[in-house]
Amino acid sequence: MKKKIALIFGISGQDGAYLANFLIKKNYLVIGTTRNNANYNLFRLNALNIKKKLNIYKSKKINFDFLKKIYKKYKIINEVYFLSGESSPRISCELPIQTFNSNVINLLSLLEFLKKTKKNSKLFYASSSEIFKKNKTNIFNENSQLGPRSPYGIAKAAGTLLIKNYREQFDLFLCSGILFNHESPLRSKNFVFKKIINELKKINKRGGVLRLGNVNIKRDIGWAPDYVKAMWKMLQLKKPLDIVLGSGKMYSISDFLNIIIVKLKINKKNIILNDKNLLRKFELNSYRSDPRLAKKKLGWETNFSIKKIALKLINNELF
C-alpha cells in the first residue's frame, strides 16, 4: 500500500514536531518546512529522534515557486498542516508586520495555489483561542464572536476567516482547529509555563529573582501531544469543519506556580508577582473552551490535570 504524504509548515515548532512523530508512526511520508534549518532550531525533532526520517526544506516565504517545486517532486500530497508563523501574542506587539506576513500572507499564498492548481490536498490550519471577543462567560465555542486583542490574534482571526471563505467559495477541504493553550517540554521558552520552570531551576542552582505579571489570570490548558491527534482526526472527516480544541478546564498561573514551588522547594522571596512592566493591558483575566463539538465529531478530549502537566514539564517527559 502506497504511503500517504503529509506536508507540515512549521515542522520545527512544538506542534510540528509532535505531529511529525505522530504521522511517522502512522506510516506517512512526512515533508516539513522551517524558516531556519540550522541544527539548533531543529532541537525538537532531534529530541524526538525523528529528524533523519523527515524531508525538511527551508522556506521563510511560501510562494507559488516554492509550492510548485514541492508538488512537482511529490506529485500527490494528501494532507497539509499549516502550523507556521509567529505564535506569541507578546512578541506580535513588537513585530506586527512579521506576524501578519508569516500567519496570513503565507497562508493566502497556499490557498491561492491550491485553488488555482486544483490540488486535492486536505488542509488543516492552526488557529488560536486569541481570536475571540470578550463575552459574559468567556467560554468560547465555534460560534463565539471574533474580537482579537493583539496583532497575533488579529492575524489568526484573518486566517480563520480565509479558511472559511475559500472552503465555501471554492469547495476545498479546509479546516481550522481553534487551539487553546497546550504545553509540553518542547514549548518555546518565551511562553510563561516554560519560562517559570527554566528560571526557577536556575534560581535553585545560582539564586536570583523571577519576575511575573498577573498570576491570577486563568487559561484553558492541555497536553500538547493530545492536540496533534485532533489535527489529524479533523482531516479524516468526510466534510471539513472548524473545531475548537481545548480541555474545557481553567487553571491560573498561580496554580501552576504553587506546584512548581513545592516540587523544587523554592523560597517565595525569590519570586516577584504582578510586576507592572509585565502586565498586559488588554488581556482577558480568564477564559476557557467549550470542546463539545470536538468530542462529538472527533471522539477527542484531553484530560491532563495542571499538576500532571507541571510534573511532566519539570521532569522533561515528552509523552
C-alpha atoms as a PDB file:
ATOM      1  CA  MET A   1       0.000   0.000   0.000  1.00  0.00           C
ATOM      2  CA  LYS A   2       1.370   3.403  -1.017  1.00  0.00           C
ATOM      3  CA  LYS A   3       2.276   5.716   1.838  1.00  0.00           C
ATOM      4  CA  LYS A   4       0.221   8.822   2.424  1.00  0.00           C
ATOM      5  CA  ILE A   5       2.226  12.038   2.177  1.00  0.00           C
ATOM      6  CA  ALA A   6       1.864  14.932   4.652  1.00  0.00           C
ATOM      7  CA  LEU A   7       3.374  18.398   4.377  1.00  0.00           C
ATOM      8  CA  ILE A   8       3.861  20.313   7.638  1.00  0.00           C
ATOM      9  CA  PHE A   9       4.559  24.042   7.509  1.00  0.00           C
ATOM     10  CA  GLY A  10       6.368  24.865  10.758  1.00  0.00           C
ATOM     11  CA  ILE A  11       7.707  21.383  11.451  1.00  0.00           C
ATOM     12  CA  SER A  12      10.386  22.632  13.865  1.00  0.00           C
ATOM     13  CA  GLY A  13       7.856  24.031  16.355  1.00  0.00           C
ATOM     14  CA  GLN A  14       6.294  22.185  19.287  1.00  0.00           C
ATOM     15  CA  ASP A  15       3.167  21.096  17.398  1.00  0.00           C
ATOM     16  CA  GLY A  16       5.043  20.465  14.148  1.00  0.00           C
ATOM     17  CA  ALA A  17       7.486  18.104  15.846  1.00  0.00           C
ATOM     18  CA  TYR A  18       4.820  16.169  17.748  1.00  0.00           C
ATOM     19  CA  LEU A  19       2.644  15.949  14.632  1.00  0.00           C
ATOM     20  CA  ALA A  20       5.552  14.684  12.514  1.00  0.00           C
ATOM     21  CA  ASN A  21       6.254  11.989  15.108  1.00  0.00           C
ATOM     22  CA  PHE A  22       2.556  11.014  15.194  1.00  0.00           C
ATOM     23  CA  LEU A  23       2.315  10.769  11.385  1.00  0.00           C
ATOM     24  CA  ILE A  24       5.542   8.772  11.049  1.00  0.00           C
ATOM     25  CA  LYS A  25       4.057   6.210  13.415  1.00  0.00           C
ATOM     26  CA  LYS A  26       1.037   6.055  11.110  1.00  0.00           C
ATOM     27  CA  ASN A  27       3.390   5.225   8.215  1.00  0.00           C
ATOM     28  CA  TYR A  28       3.176   8.609   6.462  1.00  0.00           C
ATOM     29  CA  LEU A  29       5.971  10.095   4.406  1.00  0.00           C
ATOM     30  CA  VAL A  30       6.444  13.442   6.137  1.00  0.00           C
ATOM     31  CA  ILE A  31       7.729  16.592   4.472  1.00  0.00           C
ATOM     32  CA  GLY A  32       8.357  19.708   6.512  1.00  0.00           C
ATOM     33  CA  THR A  33       9.271  23.354   6.144  1.00  0.00           C
ATOM     34  CA  THR A  34      11.030  25.629   8.592  1.00  0.00           C
ATOM     35  CA  ARG A  35      12.176  29.243   8.464  1.00  0.00           C
ATOM     36  CA  ASN A  36      15.539  28.197   9.867  1.00  0.00           C
ATOM     37  CA  ASN A  37      17.016  24.739   9.243  1.00  0.00           C
ATOM     38  CA  ALA A  38      20.055  25.248  11.458  1.00  0.00           C
ATOM     39  CA  ASN A  39      20.574  22.303  13.795  1.00  0.00           C
ATOM     40  CA  TYR A  40      19.885  24.353  16.936  1.00  0.00           C
ATOM     41  CA  ASN A  41      16.437  25.256  15.561  1.00  0.00           C
ATOM     42  CA  LEU A  42      15.615  21.591  14.916  1.00  0.00           C
ATOM     43  CA  PHE A  43      16.246  20.508  18.512  1.00  0.00           C
ATOM     44  CA  ARG A  44      12.657  19.306  18.946  1.00  0.00           C
ATOM     45  CA  LEU A  45      12.989  16.893  16.027  1.00  0.00           C
ATOM     46  CA  ASN A  46      16.264  15.653  17.488  1.00  0.00           C
ATOM     47  CA  ALA A  47      14.644  15.264  20.918  1.00  0.00           C
ATOM     48  CA  LEU A  48      12.004  13.009  19.349  1.00  0.00           C
ATOM     49  CA  ASN A  49      14.698  11.203  17.333  1.00  0.00           C
ATOM     50  CA  ILE A  50      12.885  11.714  14.030  1.00  0.00           C
ATOM     51  CA  LYS A  51      14.982  14.270  12.127  1.00  0.00           C
ATOM     52  CA  LYS A  52      16.544  11.628   9.845  1.00  0.00           C
ATOM     53  CA  LYS A  53      13.096  10.276   8.980  1.00  0.00           C
ATOM     54  CA  LEU A  54      11.912  13.605   7.545  1.00  0.00           C
ATOM     55  CA  ASN A  55      12.397  15.582   4.351  1.00  0.00           C
ATOM     56  CA  ILE A  56      12.922  19.164   5.526  1.00  0.00           C
ATOM     57  CA  TYR A  57      13.004  22.315   3.382  1.00  0.00           C
ATOM     58  CA  LYS A  58      13.967  25.835   4.407  1.00  0.00           C
ATOM     59  CA  SER A  59      11.440  28.487   3.426  1.00  0.00           C
ATOM     60  CA  LYS A  60      10.783  31.866   5.030  1.00  0.00           C
ATOM     61  CA  LYS A  61       8.232  32.737   2.370  1.00  0.00           C
ATOM     62  CA  ILE A  62       5.567  30.446   0.959  1.00  0.00           C
ATOM     63  CA  ASN A  63       5.003  31.333  -2.691  1.00  0.00           C
ATOM     64  CA  PHE A  64       3.971  29.690  -5.961  1.00  0.00           C
ATOM     65  CA  ASP A  65       7.519  28.822  -6.998  1.00  0.00           C
ATOM     66  CA  PHE A  66       8.271  27.038  -3.733  1.00  0.00           C
ATOM     67  CA  LEU A  67       4.964  25.165  -3.742  1.00  0.00           C
ATOM     68  CA  LYS A  68       5.352  24.135  -7.400  1.00  0.00           C
ATOM     69  CA  LYS A  69       8.744  22.582  -6.630  1.00  0.00           C
ATOM     70  CA  ILE A  70       7.344  20.622  -3.692  1.00  0.00           C
ATOM     71  CA  TYR A  71       4.307  19.345  -5.595  1.00  0.00           C
ATOM     72  CA  LYS A  72       6.357  18.554  -8.694  1.00  0.00           C
ATOM     73  CA  LYS A  73       8.655  16.349  -6.624  1.00  0.00           C
ATOM     74  CA  TYR A  74       5.975  14.552  -4.594  1.00  0.00           C
ATOM     75  CA  LYS A  75       3.083  14.642  -7.105  1.00  0.00           C
ATOM     76  CA  ILE A  76       0.306  13.958  -4.605  1.00  0.00           C
ATOM     77  CA  ILE A  77       0.326  15.449  -1.114  1.00  0.00           C
ATOM     78  CA  ASN A  78      -2.629  14.062   0.806  1.00  0.00           C
ATOM     79  CA  GLU A  79      -2.564  16.302   3.863  1.00  0.00           C
ATOM     80  CA  VAL A  80      -1.165  19.766   4.557  1.00  0.00           C
ATOM     81  CA  TYR A  81      -0.811  21.215   8.049  1.00  0.00           C
ATOM     82  CA  PHE A  82      -0.235  24.967   8.342  1.00  0.00           C
ATOM     83  CA  LEU A  83       1.347  25.402  11.788  1.00  0.00           C
ATOM     84  CA  SER A  84       3.943  28.047  10.957  1.00  0.00           C
ATOM     85  CA  GLY A  85       4.157  31.739  11.791  1.00  0.00           C
ATOM     86  CA  GLU A  86       4.895  33.927  14.797  1.00  0.00           C
ATOM     87  CA  SER A  87       2.996  32.376  17.705  1.00  0.00           C
ATOM     88  CA  SER A  88       3.489  34.756  20.651  1.00  0.00           C
ATOM     89  CA  PRO A  89       0.888  37.479  21.359  1.00  0.00           C
ATOM     90  CA  ARG A  90       3.539  39.437  23.286  1.00  0.00           C
ATOM     91  CA  ILE A  91       6.152  39.300  20.528  1.00  0.00           C
ATOM     92  CA  SER A  92       3.499  40.099  17.920  1.00  0.00           C
ATOM     93  CA  CYS A  93       3.050  43.522  19.536  1.00  0.00           C
ATOM     94  CA  GLU A  94       6.741  44.199  18.845  1.00  0.00           C
ATOM     95  CA  LEU A  95       6.728  42.617  15.350  1.00  0.00           C
ATOM     96  CA  PRO A  96       3.225  43.125  13.916  1.00  0.00           C
ATOM     97  CA  ILE A  97       4.248  43.155  10.233  1.00  0.00           C
ATOM     98  CA  GLN A  98       6.326  39.985  10.558  1.00  0.00           C
ATOM     99  CA  THR A  99       3.466  38.366  12.487  1.00  0.00           C
ATOM    100  CA  PHE A 100       0.902  39.201   9.808  1.00  0.00           C
ATOM    101  CA  ASN A 101       3.134  38.134   6.924  1.00  0.00           C
ATOM    102  CA  SER A 102       4.030  34.785   8.480  1.00  0.00           C
ATOM    103  CA  ASN A 103       0.499  33.939   9.590  1.00  0.00           C
ATOM    104  CA  VAL A 104      -1.698  35.446   6.876  1.00  0.00           C
ATOM    105  CA  ILE A 105       0.199  36.234   3.669  1.00  0.00           C
ATOM    106  CA  ASN A 106       1.874  32.814   3.614  1.00  0.00           C
ATOM    107  CA  LEU A 107      -1.469  31.117   4.227  1.00  0.00           C
ATOM    108  CA  LEU A 108      -3.123  33.145   1.473  1.00  0.00           C
ATOM    109  CA  SER A 109      -0.392  32.122  -0.977  1.00  0.00           C
ATOM    110  CA  LEU A 110      -1.005  28.474  -0.100  1.00  0.00           C
ATOM    111  CA  LEU A 111      -4.769  28.822  -0.523  1.00  0.00           C
ATOM    112  CA  GLU A 112      -4.364  30.522  -3.898  1.00  0.00           C
ATOM    113  CA  PHE A 113      -2.040  27.749  -5.032  1.00  0.00           C
ATOM    114  CA  LEU A 114      -4.496  25.028  -4.010  1.00  0.00           C
ATOM    115  CA  LYS A 115      -7.336  26.887  -5.689  1.00  0.00           C
ATOM    116  CA  LYS A 116      -5.587  27.561  -8.997  1.00  0.00           C
ATOM    117  CA  THR A 117      -3.831  24.219  -9.379  1.00  0.00           C
ATOM    118  CA  LYS A 118      -6.859  22.227  -8.179  1.00  0.00           C
ATOM    119  CA  LYS A 119      -4.716  20.060  -5.937  1.00  0.00           C
ATOM    120  CA  ASN A 120      -6.813  17.796  -3.751  1.00  0.00           C
ATOM    121  CA  SER A 121      -4.733  18.196  -0.602  1.00  0.00           C
ATOM    122  CA  LYS A 122      -6.702  18.450   2.630  1.00  0.00           C
ATOM    123  CA  LEU A 123      -5.560  21.433   4.707  1.00  0.00           C
ATOM    124  CA  PHE A 124      -5.507  21.931   8.486  1.00  0.00           C
ATOM    125  CA  TYR A 125      -4.938  25.488   9.736  1.00  0.00           C
ATOM    126  CA  ALA A 126      -3.793  26.093  13.319  1.00  0.00           C
ATOM    127  CA  SER A 127      -5.983  28.921  14.599  1.00  0.00           C
ATOM    128  CA  SER A 128      -5.986  30.199  18.183  1.00  0.00           C
ATOM    129  CA  SER A 129      -8.188  30.998  21.164  1.00  0.00           C
ATOM    130  CA  GLU A 130      -6.765  34.533  20.856  1.00  0.00           C
ATOM    131  CA  ILE A 131      -9.286  35.245  18.058  1.00  0.00           C
ATOM    132  CA  PHE A 132     -12.310  35.564  20.357  1.00  0.00           C
ATOM    133  CA  LYS A 133     -14.082  38.614  21.768  1.00  0.00           C
ATOM    134  CA  LYS A 134     -14.730  39.007  25.483  1.00  0.00           C
ATOM    135  CA  ASN A 135     -18.236  37.936  26.481  1.00  0.00           C
ATOM    136  CA  LYS A 136     -20.242  37.423  29.684  1.00  0.00           C
ATOM    137  CA  THR A 137     -18.875  33.947  30.409  1.00  0.00           C
ATOM    138  CA  ASN A 138     -15.615  33.944  28.394  1.00  0.00           C
ATOM    139  CA  ILE A 139     -16.423  30.366  27.408  1.00  0.00           C
ATOM    140  CA  PHE A 140     -15.737  30.060  23.692  1.00  0.00           C
ATOM    141  CA  ASN A 141     -17.017  27.671  21.026  1.00  0.00           C
ATOM    142  CA  GLU A 142     -17.209  27.581  17.236  1.00  0.00           C
ATOM    143  CA  ASN A 143     -19.981  30.198  17.177  1.00  0.00           C
ATOM    144  CA  SER A 144     -18.349  32.735  19.508  1.00  0.00           C
ATOM    145  CA  GLN A 145     -17.834  36.248  18.182  1.00  0.00           C
ATOM    146  CA  LEU A 146     -14.401  37.300  16.944  1.00  0.00           C
ATOM    147  CA  GLY A 147     -12.626  40.167  18.690  1.00  0.00           C
ATOM    148  CA  PRO A 148      -8.847  39.639  18.923  1.00  0.00           C
ATOM    149  CA  ARG A 149      -6.712  41.870  21.170  1.00  0.00           C
ATOM    150  CA  SER A 150      -3.220  41.571  19.682  1.00  0.00           C
ATOM    151  CA  PRO A 151      -1.590  41.524  16.229  1.00  0.00           C
ATOM    152  CA  TYR A 152      -1.213  37.759  16.688  1.00  0.00           C
ATOM    153  CA  GLY A 153      -4.925  37.344  17.446  1.00  0.00           C
ATOM    154  CA  ILE A 154      -5.867  39.563  14.515  1.00  0.00           C
ATOM    155  CA  ALA A 155      -3.651  37.513  12.189  1.00  0.00           C
ATOM    156  CA  LYS A 156      -5.150  34.234  13.408  1.00  0.00           C
ATOM    157  CA  ALA A 157      -8.678  35.617  13.047  1.00  0.00           C
ATOM    158  CA  ALA A 158      -7.865  36.673   9.477  1.00  0.00           C
ATOM    159  CA  GLY A 159      -6.505  33.194   8.742  1.00  0.00           C
ATOM    160  CA  THR A 160      -9.609  31.549  10.181  1.00  0.00           C
ATOM    161  CA  LEU A 161     -11.871  33.704   8.005  1.00  0.00           C
ATOM    162  CA  LEU A 162      -9.763  32.959   4.921  1.00  0.00           C
ATOM    163  CA  ILE A 163     -10.114  29.216   5.537  1.00  0.00           C
ATOM    164  CA  LYS A 164     -13.893  29.544   5.831  1.00  0.00           C
ATOM    165  CA  ASN A 165     -14.127  31.763   2.744  1.00  0.00           C
ATOM    166  CA  TYR A 166     -12.011  29.566   0.463  1.00  0.00           C
ATOM    167  CA  ARG A 167     -13.779  26.419   1.693  1.00  0.00           C
ATOM    168  CA  GLU A 168     -17.205  27.831   0.887  1.00  0.00           C
ATOM    169  CA  GLN A 169     -16.277  29.663  -2.318  1.00  0.00           C
ATOM    170  CA  PHE A 170     -14.063  27.067  -3.978  1.00  0.00           C
ATOM    171  CA  ASP A 171     -15.166  23.768  -2.432  1.00  0.00           C
ATOM    172  CA  LEU A 172     -11.752  22.947  -0.960  1.00  0.00           C
ATOM    173  CA  PHE A 173     -11.200  20.639   2.025  1.00  0.00           C
ATOM    174  CA  LEU A 174     -10.004  23.258   4.509  1.00  0.00           C
ATOM    175  CA  CYS A 175     -10.477  23.385   8.260  1.00  0.00           C
ATOM    176  CA  SER A 176      -9.348  25.452  11.237  1.00  0.00           C
ATOM    177  CA  GLY A 177      -8.513  23.926  14.585  1.00  0.00           C
ATOM    178  CA  ILE A 178      -9.051  26.711  17.126  1.00  0.00           C
ATOM    179  CA  LEU A 179      -6.364  25.761  19.613  1.00  0.00           C
ATOM    180  CA  PHE A 180      -6.346  26.678  23.288  1.00  0.00           C
ATOM    181  CA  ASN A 181      -3.133  26.611  25.366  1.00  0.00           C
ATOM    182  CA  HIS A 182      -1.270  23.317  25.268  1.00  0.00           C
ATOM    183  CA  GLU A 183       2.045  22.635  26.944  1.00  0.00           C
ATOM    184  CA  SER A 184       4.992  20.219  26.763  1.00  0.00           C
ATOM    185  CA  PRO A 185       8.766  20.253  27.318  1.00  0.00           C
ATOM    186  CA  LEU A 186       9.053  21.211  23.623  1.00  0.00           C
ATOM    187  CA  ARG A 187       7.239  24.516  24.211  1.00  0.00           C
ATOM    188  CA  SER A 188       9.188  27.690  23.365  1.00  0.00           C
ATOM    189  CA  LYS A 189      10.978  29.340  26.281  1.00  0.00           C
ATOM    190  CA  ASN A 190       9.052  32.559  25.557  1.00  0.00           C
ATOM    191  CA  PHE A 191       5.829  31.079  26.952  1.00  0.00           C
ATOM    192  CA  VAL A 192       5.083  31.580  30.622  1.00  0.00           C
ATOM    193  CA  PHE A 193       4.986  27.990  31.930  1.00  0.00           C
ATOM    194  CA  LYS A 194       8.274  27.070  30.280  1.00  0.00           C
ATOM    195  CA  LYS A 195       9.761  30.366  31.474  1.00  0.00           C
ATOM    196  CA  ILE A 196       8.708  29.685  35.070  1.00  0.00           C
ATOM    197  CA  ILE A 197      10.309  26.240  35.160  1.00  0.00           C
ATOM    198  CA  ASN A 198      13.524  27.283  33.421  1.00  0.00           C
ATOM    199  CA  GLU A 199      14.029  30.319  35.637  1.00  0.00           C
ATOM    200  CA  LEU A 200      13.205  28.552  38.910  1.00  0.00           C
ATOM    201  CA  LYS A 201      15.614  25.724  38.077  1.00  0.00           C
ATOM    202  CA  LYS A 202      18.332  28.378  37.550  1.00  0.00           C
ATOM    203  CA  ILE A 203      17.401  30.078  40.839  1.00  0.00           C
ATOM    204  CA  ASN A 204      17.729  26.715  42.598  1.00  0.00           C
ATOM    205  CA  LYS A 205      21.333  26.493  41.391  1.00  0.00           C
ATOM    206  CA  ARG A 206      22.560  30.077  41.351  1.00  0.00           C
ATOM    207  CA  GLY A 207      19.986  32.223  43.131  1.00  0.00           C
ATOM    208  CA  GLY A 208      18.236  35.195  41.593  1.00  0.00           C
ATOM    209  CA  VAL A 209      14.714  36.503  41.157  1.00  0.00           C
ATOM    210  CA  LEU A 210      11.819  35.508  38.906  1.00  0.00           C
ATOM    211  CA  ARG A 211       9.515  38.365  37.863  1.00  0.00           C
ATOM    212  CA  LEU A 212       5.985  37.600  36.721  1.00  0.00           C
ATOM    213  CA  GLY A 213       2.976  39.652  35.646  1.00  0.00           C
ATOM    214  CA  ASN A 214      -0.595  38.837  36.642  1.00  0.00           C
ATOM    215  CA  VAL A 215      -0.513  35.289  38.019  1.00  0.00           C
ATOM    216  CA  ASN A 216      -4.248  35.220  38.743  1.00  0.00           C
ATOM    217  CA  ILE A 217      -5.286  35.021  35.092  1.00  0.00           C
ATOM    218  CA  LYS A 218      -6.807  31.668  34.183  1.00  0.00           C
ATOM    219  CA  ARG A 219      -6.337  29.746  30.967  1.00  0.00           C
ATOM    220  CA  ASP A 220      -7.630  26.576  29.337  1.00  0.00           C
ATOM    221  CA  ILE A 221      -4.568  24.302  29.422  1.00  0.00           C
ATOM    222  CA  GLY A 222      -3.919  20.901  27.881  1.00  0.00           C
ATOM    223  CA  TRP A 223      -1.144  18.471  26.961  1.00  0.00           C
ATOM    224  CA  ALA A 224       0.389  19.153  23.526  1.00  0.00           C
ATOM    225  CA  PRO A 225       0.747  15.549  22.202  1.00  0.00           C
ATOM    226  CA  ASP A 226      -3.031  15.174  22.518  1.00  0.00           C
ATOM    227  CA  TYR A 227      -3.684  18.134  20.231  1.00  0.00           C
ATOM    228  CA  VAL A 228      -1.817  16.841  17.204  1.00  0.00           C
ATOM    229  CA  LYS A 229      -4.037  13.755  17.252  1.00  0.00           C
ATOM    230  CA  ALA A 230      -7.035  16.079  16.947  1.00  0.00           C
ATOM    231  CA  MET A 231      -5.421  17.853  13.979  1.00  0.00           C
ATOM    232  CA  TRP A 232      -5.081  14.543  12.168  1.00  0.00           C
ATOM    233  CA  LYS A 233      -8.606  13.467  13.110  1.00  0.00           C
ATOM    234  CA  MET A 234     -10.006  16.669  11.595  1.00  0.00           C
ATOM    235  CA  LEU A 235      -8.543  15.766   8.202  1.00  0.00           C
ATOM    236  CA  GLN A 236     -10.130  12.297   8.358  1.00  0.00           C
ATOM    237  CA  LEU A 237     -13.666  13.750   8.499  1.00  0.00           C
ATOM    238  CA  LYS A 238     -15.902  13.345   5.454  1.00  0.00           C
ATOM    239  CA  LYS A 239     -16.663  17.074   5.458  1.00  0.00           C
ATOM    240  CA  PRO A 240     -14.319  19.827   6.713  1.00  0.00           C
ATOM    241  CA  LEU A 241     -15.270  21.698   9.876  1.00  0.00           C
ATOM    242  CA  ASP A 242     -13.764  24.389  12.078  1.00  0.00           C
ATOM    243  CA  ILE A 243     -13.482  22.946  15.591  1.00  0.00           C
ATOM    244  CA  VAL A 244     -12.455  24.331  18.987  1.00  0.00           C
ATOM    245  CA  LEU A 245      -9.718  22.199  20.575  1.00  0.00           C
ATOM    246  CA  GLY A 246      -9.268  22.637  24.319  1.00  0.00           C
ATOM    247  CA  SER A 247      -9.567  20.936  27.690  1.00  0.00           C
ATOM    248  CA  GLY A 248     -12.627  22.879  28.839  1.00  0.00           C
ATOM    249  CA  LYS A 249     -10.895  23.439  32.202  1.00  0.00           C
ATOM    250  CA  MET A 250      -9.266  26.594  33.568  1.00  0.00           C
ATOM    251  CA  TYR A 251      -6.149  26.886  35.685  1.00  0.00           C
ATOM    252  CA  SER A 252      -4.343  30.007  36.880  1.00  0.00           C
ATOM    253  CA  ILE A 253      -0.654  30.734  36.531  1.00  0.00           C
ATOM    254  CA  SER A 254      -0.681  30.823  40.336  1.00  0.00           C
ATOM    255  CA  ASP A 255      -1.984  27.222  40.433  1.00  0.00           C
ATOM    256  CA  PHE A 256       0.908  26.144  38.247  1.00  0.00           C
ATOM    257  CA  LEU A 257       3.457  28.236  40.137  1.00  0.00           C
ATOM    258  CA  ASN A 258       2.498  26.780  43.522  1.00  0.00           C
ATOM    259  CA  ILE A 259       3.021  23.225  42.249  1.00  0.00           C
ATOM    260  CA  ILE A 260       6.486  24.140  40.970  1.00  0.00           C
ATOM    261  CA  ILE A 261       7.432  25.970  44.187  1.00  0.00           C
ATOM    262  CA  VAL A 262       6.622  22.905  46.284  1.00  0.00           C
ATOM    263  CA  LYS A 263       8.279  20.434  43.923  1.00  0.00           C
ATOM    264  CA  LEU A 264      11.504  22.441  43.523  1.00  0.00           C
ATOM    265  CA  LYS A 265      11.485  23.738  47.124  1.00  0.00           C
ATOM    266  CA  ILE A 266      11.739  27.374  46.068  1.00  0.00           C
ATOM    267  CA  ASN A 267      11.725  30.250  48.566  1.00  0.00           C
ATOM    268  CA  LYS A 268       8.842  32.582  47.650  1.00  0.00           C
ATOM    269  CA  LYS A 269      11.129  35.544  48.357  1.00  0.00           C
ATOM    270  CA  ASN A 270      12.807  34.722  45.024  1.00  0.00           C
ATOM    271  CA  ILE A 271       9.592  35.451  43.130  1.00  0.00           C
ATOM    272  CA  ILE A 272       8.098  38.884  42.402  1.00  0.00           C
ATOM    273  CA  LEU A 273       4.442  38.780  41.376  1.00  0.00           C
ATOM    274  CA  ASN A 274       2.350  41.297  39.444  1.00  0.00           C
ATOM    275  CA  ASP A 275       5.325  43.189  38.042  1.00  0.00           C
ATOM    276  CA  LYS A 276       3.810  46.272  36.374  1.00  0.00           C
ATOM    277  CA  ASN A 277       6.235  46.027  33.480  1.00  0.00           C
ATOM    278  CA  LEU A 278       4.885  42.573  32.623  1.00  0.00           C
ATOM    279  CA  LEU A 279       1.158  43.306  32.822  1.00  0.00           C
ATOM    280  CA  ARG A 280      -0.785  43.247  29.552  1.00  0.00           C
ATOM    281  CA  LYS A 281      -3.395  45.971  29.212  1.00  0.00           C
ATOM    282  CA  PHE A 282      -5.921  44.118  27.051  1.00  0.00           C
ATOM    283  CA  GLU A 283      -5.514  40.573  28.383  1.00  0.00           C
ATOM    284  CA  LEU A 284      -8.613  38.645  29.474  1.00  0.00           C
ATOM    285  CA  ASN A 285      -8.471  37.613  33.115  1.00  0.00           C
ATOM    286  CA  SER A 286      -9.878  34.178  32.383  1.00  0.00           C
ATOM    287  CA  TYR A 287     -11.340  32.105  29.582  1.00  0.00           C
ATOM    288  CA  ARG A 288     -11.840  28.507  28.540  1.00  0.00           C
ATOM    289  CA  SER A 289     -13.076  26.397  25.671  1.00  0.00           C
ATOM    290  CA  ASP A 290     -16.344  24.609  25.107  1.00  0.00           C
ATOM    291  CA  PRO A 291     -14.928  21.474  23.401  1.00  0.00           C
ATOM    292  CA  ARG A 292     -18.187  19.551  22.969  1.00  0.00           C
ATOM    293  CA  LEU A 293     -18.027  19.565  19.160  1.00  0.00           C
ATOM    294  CA  ALA A 294     -14.532  18.032  19.231  1.00  0.00           C
ATOM    295  CA  LYS A 295     -15.812  15.203  21.403  1.00  0.00           C
ATOM    296  CA  LYS A 296     -18.907  14.704  19.230  1.00  0.00           C
ATOM    297  CA  LYS A 297     -17.253  14.833  15.800  1.00  0.00           C
ATOM    298  CA  LEU A 298     -13.763  13.548  16.583  1.00  0.00           C
ATOM    299  CA  GLY A 299     -14.227  11.463  19.709  1.00  0.00           C
ATOM    300  CA  TRP A 300     -11.426  13.627  21.121  1.00  0.00           C
ATOM    301  CA  GLU A 301     -10.695  15.140  24.517  1.00  0.00           C
ATOM    302  CA  THR A 302      -7.681  15.961  26.669  1.00  0.00           C
ATOM    303  CA  ASN A 303      -7.835  15.256  30.399  1.00  0.00           C
ATOM    304  CA  PHE A 304      -4.412  16.068  31.842  1.00  0.00           C
ATOM    305  CA  SER A 305      -4.602  17.977  35.132  1.00  0.00           C
ATOM    306  CA  ILE A 306      -2.396  21.022  35.719  1.00  0.00           C
ATOM    307  CA  LYS A 307      -0.435  19.038  38.321  1.00  0.00           C
ATOM    308  CA  LYS A 308       0.294  16.218  35.893  1.00  0.00           C
ATOM    309  CA  ILE A 309       1.359  18.696  33.202  1.00  0.00           C
ATOM    310  CA  ALA A 310       3.567  20.587  35.663  1.00  0.00           C
ATOM    311  CA  LEU A 311       5.338  17.432  36.804  1.00  0.00           C
ATOM    312  CA  LYS A 312       5.896  16.290  33.217  1.00  0.00           C
ATOM    313  CA  LEU A 313       7.429  19.668  32.406  1.00  0.00           C
ATOM    314  CA  ILE A 314       9.729  19.544  35.443  1.00  0.00           C
ATOM    315  CA  ASN A 315      10.838  16.012  34.556  1.00  0.00           C
ATOM    316  CA  ASN A 316      11.140  16.817  30.859  1.00  0.00           C
ATOM    317  CA  GLU A 317       8.797  13.956  29.936  1.00  0.00           C
ATOM    318  CA  LEU A 318       7.973  14.229  26.235  1.00  0.00           C
ATOM    319  CA  PHE A 319       4.925  11.945  26.361  1.00  0.00           C
END
